[in-house]
Each structure stands twice: as structure tokens, then as C-alpha cells.
Amino acid sequence: MKHSTEYEAFTKLVDRVLTVSHEEMKHREAEYRKRADANPRKRGPKRKVKPSA
């Protein structure tokens, strides 16, 4: 069956997203949060920092 190029591109993207493990996604998200929290000019609500014991 013949598909459009948009459909094929979307299918490839979905396949790439689904191949990333949950552990890897958590790791990437933690890295992103670290970089985002380090930005002093961030707009919007800030994340609360847990006090160290």
C-alpha cells in the first residue's frame, strides 16, 4: 500500500520515540530539569527546592 511522505515521516518519528526506554526518558528529564532550574531568568513558577538535612 502506498502512503504519503507525511505519514511515513510520522511513522518513523513514532517508532523512534517508542524505542526509548522509560529509564532513559527519566534520565533525560532529570538532566533537563537541572538545566532549567539553573536558569536565573526563568519565567513562571519556580520549582521548590527541598532543604538538605
PDB file of N, CA and C in Angstrom:
ATOM      1  N   MET A   1       0.842  -1.174   0.000  1.00  0.00           N
ATOM      2  CA  MET A   1       0.000   0.000   0.000  1.00  0.00           C
ATOM      3  C   MET A   1       0.889   1.239   0.000  1.00  0.00           C
ATOM      4  N   LYS A   2       0.534   2.202  -0.780  1.00  0.00           N
ATOM      5  CA  LYS A   2       1.317   3.431  -0.915  1.00  0.00           C
ATOM      6  C   LYS A   2       0.845   4.458   0.122  1.00  0.00           C
ATOM      7  N   HIS A   3       1.817   5.057   0.823  1.00  0.00           N
ATOM      8  CA  HIS A   3       1.500   6.062   1.837  1.00  0.00           C
ATOM      9  C   HIS A   3       2.143   7.383   1.449  1.00  0.00           C
ATOM     10  N   SER A   4       1.606   8.449   2.022  1.00  0.00           N
ATOM     11  CA  SER A   4       2.176   9.769   1.753  1.00  0.00           C
ATOM     12  C   SER A   4       3.486   9.924   2.518  1.00  0.00           C
ATOM     13  N   THR A   5       4.287  10.889   2.095  1.00  0.00           N
ATOM     14  CA  THR A   5       5.573  11.120   2.766  1.00  0.00           C
ATOM     15  C   THR A   5       5.355  11.619   4.194  1.00  0.00           C
ATOM     16  N   GLU A   6       4.269  12.362   4.430  1.00  0.00           N
ATOM     17  CA  GLU A   6       3.981  12.840   5.784  1.00  0.00           C
ATOM     18  C   GLU A   6       3.691  11.663   6.712  1.00  0.00           C
ATOM     19  N   TYR A   7       2.937  10.697   6.204  1.00  0.00           N
ATOM     20  CA  TYR A   7       2.614   9.523   7.011  1.00  0.00           C
ATOM     21  C   TYR A   7       3.876   8.739   7.342  1.00  0.00           C
ATOM     22  N   GLU A   8       4.744   8.575   6.368  1.00  0.00           N
ATOM     23  CA  GLU A   8       5.990   7.835   6.595  1.00  0.00           C
ATOM     24  C   GLU A   8       6.882   8.559   7.596  1.00  0.00           C
ATOM     25  N   ALA A   9       6.969   9.884   7.495  1.00  0.00           N
ATOM     26  CA  ALA A   9       7.774  10.661   8.441  1.00  0.00           C
ATOM     27  C   ALA A   9       7.202  10.539   9.850  1.00  0.00           C
ATOM     28  N   PHE A  10       5.878  10.616   9.961  1.00  0.00           N
ATOM     29  CA  PHE A  10       5.241  10.479  11.270  1.00  0.00           C
ATOM     30  C   PHE A  10       5.496   9.099  11.853  1.00  0.00           C
ATOM     31  N   THR A  11       5.386   8.065  11.040  1.00  0.00           N
ATOM     32  CA  THR A  11       5.604   6.701  11.496  1.00  0.00           C
ATOM     33  C   THR A  11       7.039   6.518  11.983  1.00  0.00           C
ATOM     34  N   LYS A  12       8.002   7.069  11.254  1.00  0.00           N
ATOM     35  CA  LYS A  12       9.400   6.973  11.678  1.00  0.00           C
ATOM     36  C   LYS A  12       9.616   7.682  13.005  1.00  0.00           C
ATOM     37  N   LEU A  13       9.002   8.850  13.179  1.00  0.00           N
ATOM     38  CA  LEU A  13       9.126   9.599  14.422  1.00  0.00           C
ATOM     39  C   LEU A  13       8.541   8.818  15.590  1.00  0.00           C
ATOM     40  N   VAL A  14       7.365   8.258  15.414  1.00  0.00           N
ATOM     41  CA  VAL A  14       6.726   7.480  16.476  1.00  0.00           C
ATOM     42  C   VAL A  14       7.574   6.270  16.832  1.00  0.00           C
ATOM     43  N   ASP A  15       8.132   5.602  15.833  1.00  0.00           N
ATOM     44  CA  ASP A  15       8.984   4.448  16.094  1.00  0.00           C
ATOM     45  C   ASP A  15      10.215   4.848  16.906  1.00  0.00           C
ATOM     46  N   ARG A  16      10.802   6.012  16.583  1.00  0.00           N
ATOM     47  CA  ARG A  16      11.975   6.476  17.331  1.00  0.00           C
ATOM     48  C   ARG A  16      11.612   6.808  18.767  1.00  0.00           C
ATOM     49  N   VAL A  17      10.465   7.431  18.980  1.00  0.00           N
ATOM     50  CA  VAL A  17      10.045   7.792  20.337  1.00  0.00           C
ATOM     51  C   VAL A  17       9.763   6.541  21.163  1.00  0.00           C
ATOM     52  N   LEU A  18       9.121   5.573  20.571  1.00  0.00           N
ATOM     53  CA  LEU A  18       8.750   4.378  21.318  1.00  0.00           C
ATOM     54  C   LEU A  18       9.919   3.462  21.619  1.00  0.00           C
ATOM     55  N   THR A  19      11.045   3.645  20.962  1.00  0.00           N
ATOM     56  CA  THR A  19      12.187   2.777  21.224  1.00  0.00           C
ATOM     57  C   THR A  19      13.013   3.250  22.420  1.00  0.00           C
ATOM     58  N   VAL A  20      12.754   4.453  22.926  1.00  0.00           N
ATOM     59  CA  VAL A  20      13.494   4.968  24.077  1.00  0.00           C
ATOM     60  C   VAL A  20      12.891   4.366  25.343  1.00  0.00           C
ATOM     61  N   SER A  21      13.749   3.808  26.212  1.00  0.00           N
ATOM     62  CA  SER A  21      13.265   3.163  27.424  1.00  0.00           C
ATOM     63  C   SER A  21      12.772   4.189  28.436  1.00  0.00           C
ATOM     64  N   HIS A  22      11.959   3.733  29.355  1.00  0.00           N
ATOM     65  CA  HIS A  22      11.411   4.606  30.397  1.00  0.00           C
ATOM     66  C   HIS A  22      12.540   5.156  31.273  1.00  0.00           C
ATOM     67  N   GLU A  23      13.521   4.324  31.541  1.00  0.00           N
ATOM     68  CA  GLU A  23      14.663   4.746  32.352  1.00  0.00           C
ATOM     69  C   GLU A  23      15.428   5.881  31.673  1.00  0.00           C
ATOM     70  N   GLU A  24      15.628   5.748  30.369  1.00  0.00           N
ATOM     71  CA  GLU A  24      16.339   6.782  29.613  1.00  0.00           C
ATOM     72  C   GLU A  24      15.535   8.084  29.597  1.00  0.00           C
ATOM     73  N   MET A  25      14.223   7.997  29.468  1.00  0.00           N
ATOM     74  CA  MET A  25      13.386   9.194  29.481  1.00  0.00           C
ATOM     75  C   MET A  25      13.474   9.906  30.831  1.00  0.00           C
ATOM     76  N   LYS A  26      13.475   9.142  31.933  1.00  0.00           N
ATOM     77  CA  LYS A  26      13.605   9.740  33.259  1.00  0.00           C
ATOM     78  C   LYS A  26      14.955  10.428  33.398  1.00  0.00           C
ATOM     79  N   HIS A  27      15.993   9.804  32.857  1.00  0.00           N
ATOM     80  CA  HIS A  27      17.338  10.376  32.919  1.00  0.00           C
ATOM     81  C   HIS A  27      17.395  11.687  32.130  1.00  0.00           C
ATOM     82  N   ARG A  28      16.843  11.689  30.928  1.00  0.00           N
ATOM     83  CA  ARG A  28      16.830  12.904  30.102  1.00  0.00           C
ATOM     84  C   ARG A  28      16.020  14.014  30.769  1.00  0.00           C
ATOM     85  N   GLU A  29      14.891  13.649  31.369  1.00  0.00           N
ATOM     86  CA  GLU A  29      14.052  14.642  32.024  1.00  0.00           C
ATOM     87  C   GLU A  29      14.771  15.251  33.229  1.00  0.00           C
ATOM     88  N   ALA A  30      15.507  14.434  33.975  1.00  0.00           N
ATOM     89  CA  ALA A  30      16.260  14.937  35.126  1.00  0.00           C
ATOM     90  C   ALA A  30      17.342  15.913  34.673  1.00  0.00           C
ATOM     91  N   GLU A  31      18.020  15.592  33.575  1.00  0.00           N
ATOM     92  CA  GLU A  31      19.033  16.500  33.033  1.00  0.00           C
ATOM     93  C   GLU A  31      18.398  17.816  32.601  1.00  0.00           C
ATOM     94  N   TYR A  32      17.231  17.748  31.959  1.00  0.00           N
ATOM     95  CA  TYR A  32      16.544  18.954  31.515  1.00  0.00           C
ATOM     96  C   TYR A  32      16.141  19.812  32.711  1.00  0.00           C
ATOM     97  N   ARG A  33      15.612  19.175  33.747  1.00  0.00           N
ATOM     98  CA  ARG A  33      15.209  19.922  34.948  1.00  0.00           C
ATOM     99  C   ARG A  33      16.403  20.622  35.585  1.00  0.00           C
ATOM    100  N   LYS A  34      17.534  19.933  35.611  1.00  0.00           N
ATOM    101  CA  LYS A  34      18.744  20.511  36.196  1.00  0.00           C
ATOM    102  C   LYS A  34      19.138  21.783  35.444  1.00  0.00           C
ATOM    103  N   ARG A  35      19.105  21.701  34.104  1.00  0.00           N
ATOM    104  CA  ARG A  35      19.455  22.876  33.289  1.00  0.00           C
ATOM    105  C   ARG A  35      18.409  23.982  33.441  1.00  0.00           C
ATOM    106  N   ALA A  36      17.129  23.611  33.481  1.00  0.00           N
ATOM    107  CA  ALA A  36      16.062  24.599  33.587  1.00  0.00           C
ATOM    108  C   ALA A  36      16.088  25.298  34.944  1.00  0.00           C
ATOM    109  N   ASP A  37      16.370  24.550  36.002  1.00  0.00           N
ATOM    110  CA  ASP A  37      16.424  25.145  37.341  1.00  0.00           C
ATOM    111  C   ASP A  37      17.627  26.056  37.506  1.00  0.00           C
ATOM    112  N   ALA A  38      18.680  25.820  36.739  1.00  0.00           N
ATOM    113  CA  ALA A  38      19.885  26.643  36.838  1.00  0.00           C
ATOM    114  C   ALA A  38      19.727  27.981  36.126  1.00  0.00           C
ATOM    115  N   ASN A  39      18.673  28.135  35.320  1.00  0.00           N
ATOM    116  CA  ASN A  39      18.456  29.372  34.568  1.00  0.00           C
ATOM    117  C   ASN A  39      17.851  30.429  35.500  1.00  0.00           C
ATOM    118  N   PRO A  40      18.592  31.496  35.824  1.00  0.00           N
ATOM    119  CA  PRO A  40      18.052  32.512  36.744  1.00  0.00           C
ATOM    120  C   PRO A  40      16.967  33.375  36.109  1.00  0.00           C
ATOM    121  N   ARG A  41      16.862  33.402  34.805  1.00  0.00           N
ATOM    122  CA  ARG A  41      15.876  34.249  34.123  1.00  0.00           C
ATOM    123  C   ARG A  41      14.609  33.493  33.735  1.00  0.00           C
ATOM    124  N   LYS A  42      14.395  32.340  34.346  1.00  0.00           N
ATOM    125  CA  LYS A  42      13.231  31.530  34.016  1.00  0.00           C
ATOM    126  C   LYS A  42      11.946  32.260  34.384  1.00  0.00           C
ATOM    127  N   ARG A  43      10.985  32.247  33.468  1.00  0.00           N
ATOM    128  CA  ARG A  43       9.683  32.864  33.721  1.00  0.00           C
ATOM    129  C   ARG A  43       8.739  31.815  34.293  1.00  0.00           C
ATOM    130  N   GLY A  44       7.738  32.286  35.007  1.00  0.00           N
ATOM    131  CA  GLY A  44       6.730  31.383  35.525  1.00  0.00           C
ATOM    132  C   GLY A  44       7.083  30.868  36.906  1.00  0.00           C
ATOM    133  N   PRO A  45       6.292  29.924  37.395  1.00  0.00           N
ATOM    134  CA  PRO A  45       6.519  29.406  38.741  1.00  0.00           C
ATOM    135  C   PRO A  45       7.830  28.636  38.828  1.00  0.00           C
ATOM    136  N   LYS A  46       8.509  28.802  39.941  1.00  0.00           N
ATOM    137  CA  LYS A  46       9.780  28.116  40.163  1.00  0.00           C
ATOM    138  C   LYS A  46       9.516  26.817  40.926  1.00  0.00           C
ATOM    139  N   ARG A  47      10.371  25.843  40.674  1.00  0.00           N
ATOM    140  CA  ARG A  47      10.257  24.572  41.416  1.00  0.00           C
ATOM    141  C   ARG A  47      10.747  24.773  42.840  1.00  0.00           C
ATOM    142  N   LYS A  48      10.099  24.134  43.777  1.00  0.00           N
ATOM    143  CA  LYS A  48      10.511  24.236  45.171  1.00  0.00           C
ATOM    144  C   LYS A  48      11.756  23.387  45.386  1.00  0.00           C
ATOM    145  N   VAL A  49      12.677  23.900  46.181  1.00  0.00           N
ATOM    146  CA  VAL A  49      13.909  23.180  46.478  1.00  0.00           C
ATOM    147  C   VAL A  49      13.769  22.540  47.849  1.00  0.00           C
ATOM    148  N   LYS A  50      14.024  21.239  47.928  1.00  0.00           N
ATOM    149  CA  LYS A  50      13.926  20.550  49.197  1.00  0.00           C
ATOM    150  C   LYS A  50      15.134  20.904  50.048  1.00  0.00           C
ATOM    151  N   PRO A  51      14.932  21.255  51.310  1.00  0.00           N
ATOM    152  CA  PRO A  51      16.082  21.565  52.161  1.00  0.00           C
ATOM    153  C   PRO A  51      16.882  20.310  52.447  1.00  0.00           C
ATOM    154  N   SER A  52      18.195  20.447  52.419  1.00  0.00           N
ATOM    155  CA  SER A  52      19.043  19.292  52.678  1.00  0.00           C
ATOM    156  C   SER A  52      19.151  19.079  54.187  1.00  0.00           C
ATOM    157  N   ALA A  53      19.151  17.840  54.606  1.00  0.00           N
ATOM    158  CA  ALA A  53      19.188  17.528  56.046  1.00  0.00           C
ATOM    159  C   ALA A  53      20.591  17.311  56.530  1.00  0.00           C
TER     160      ALA A  53
END
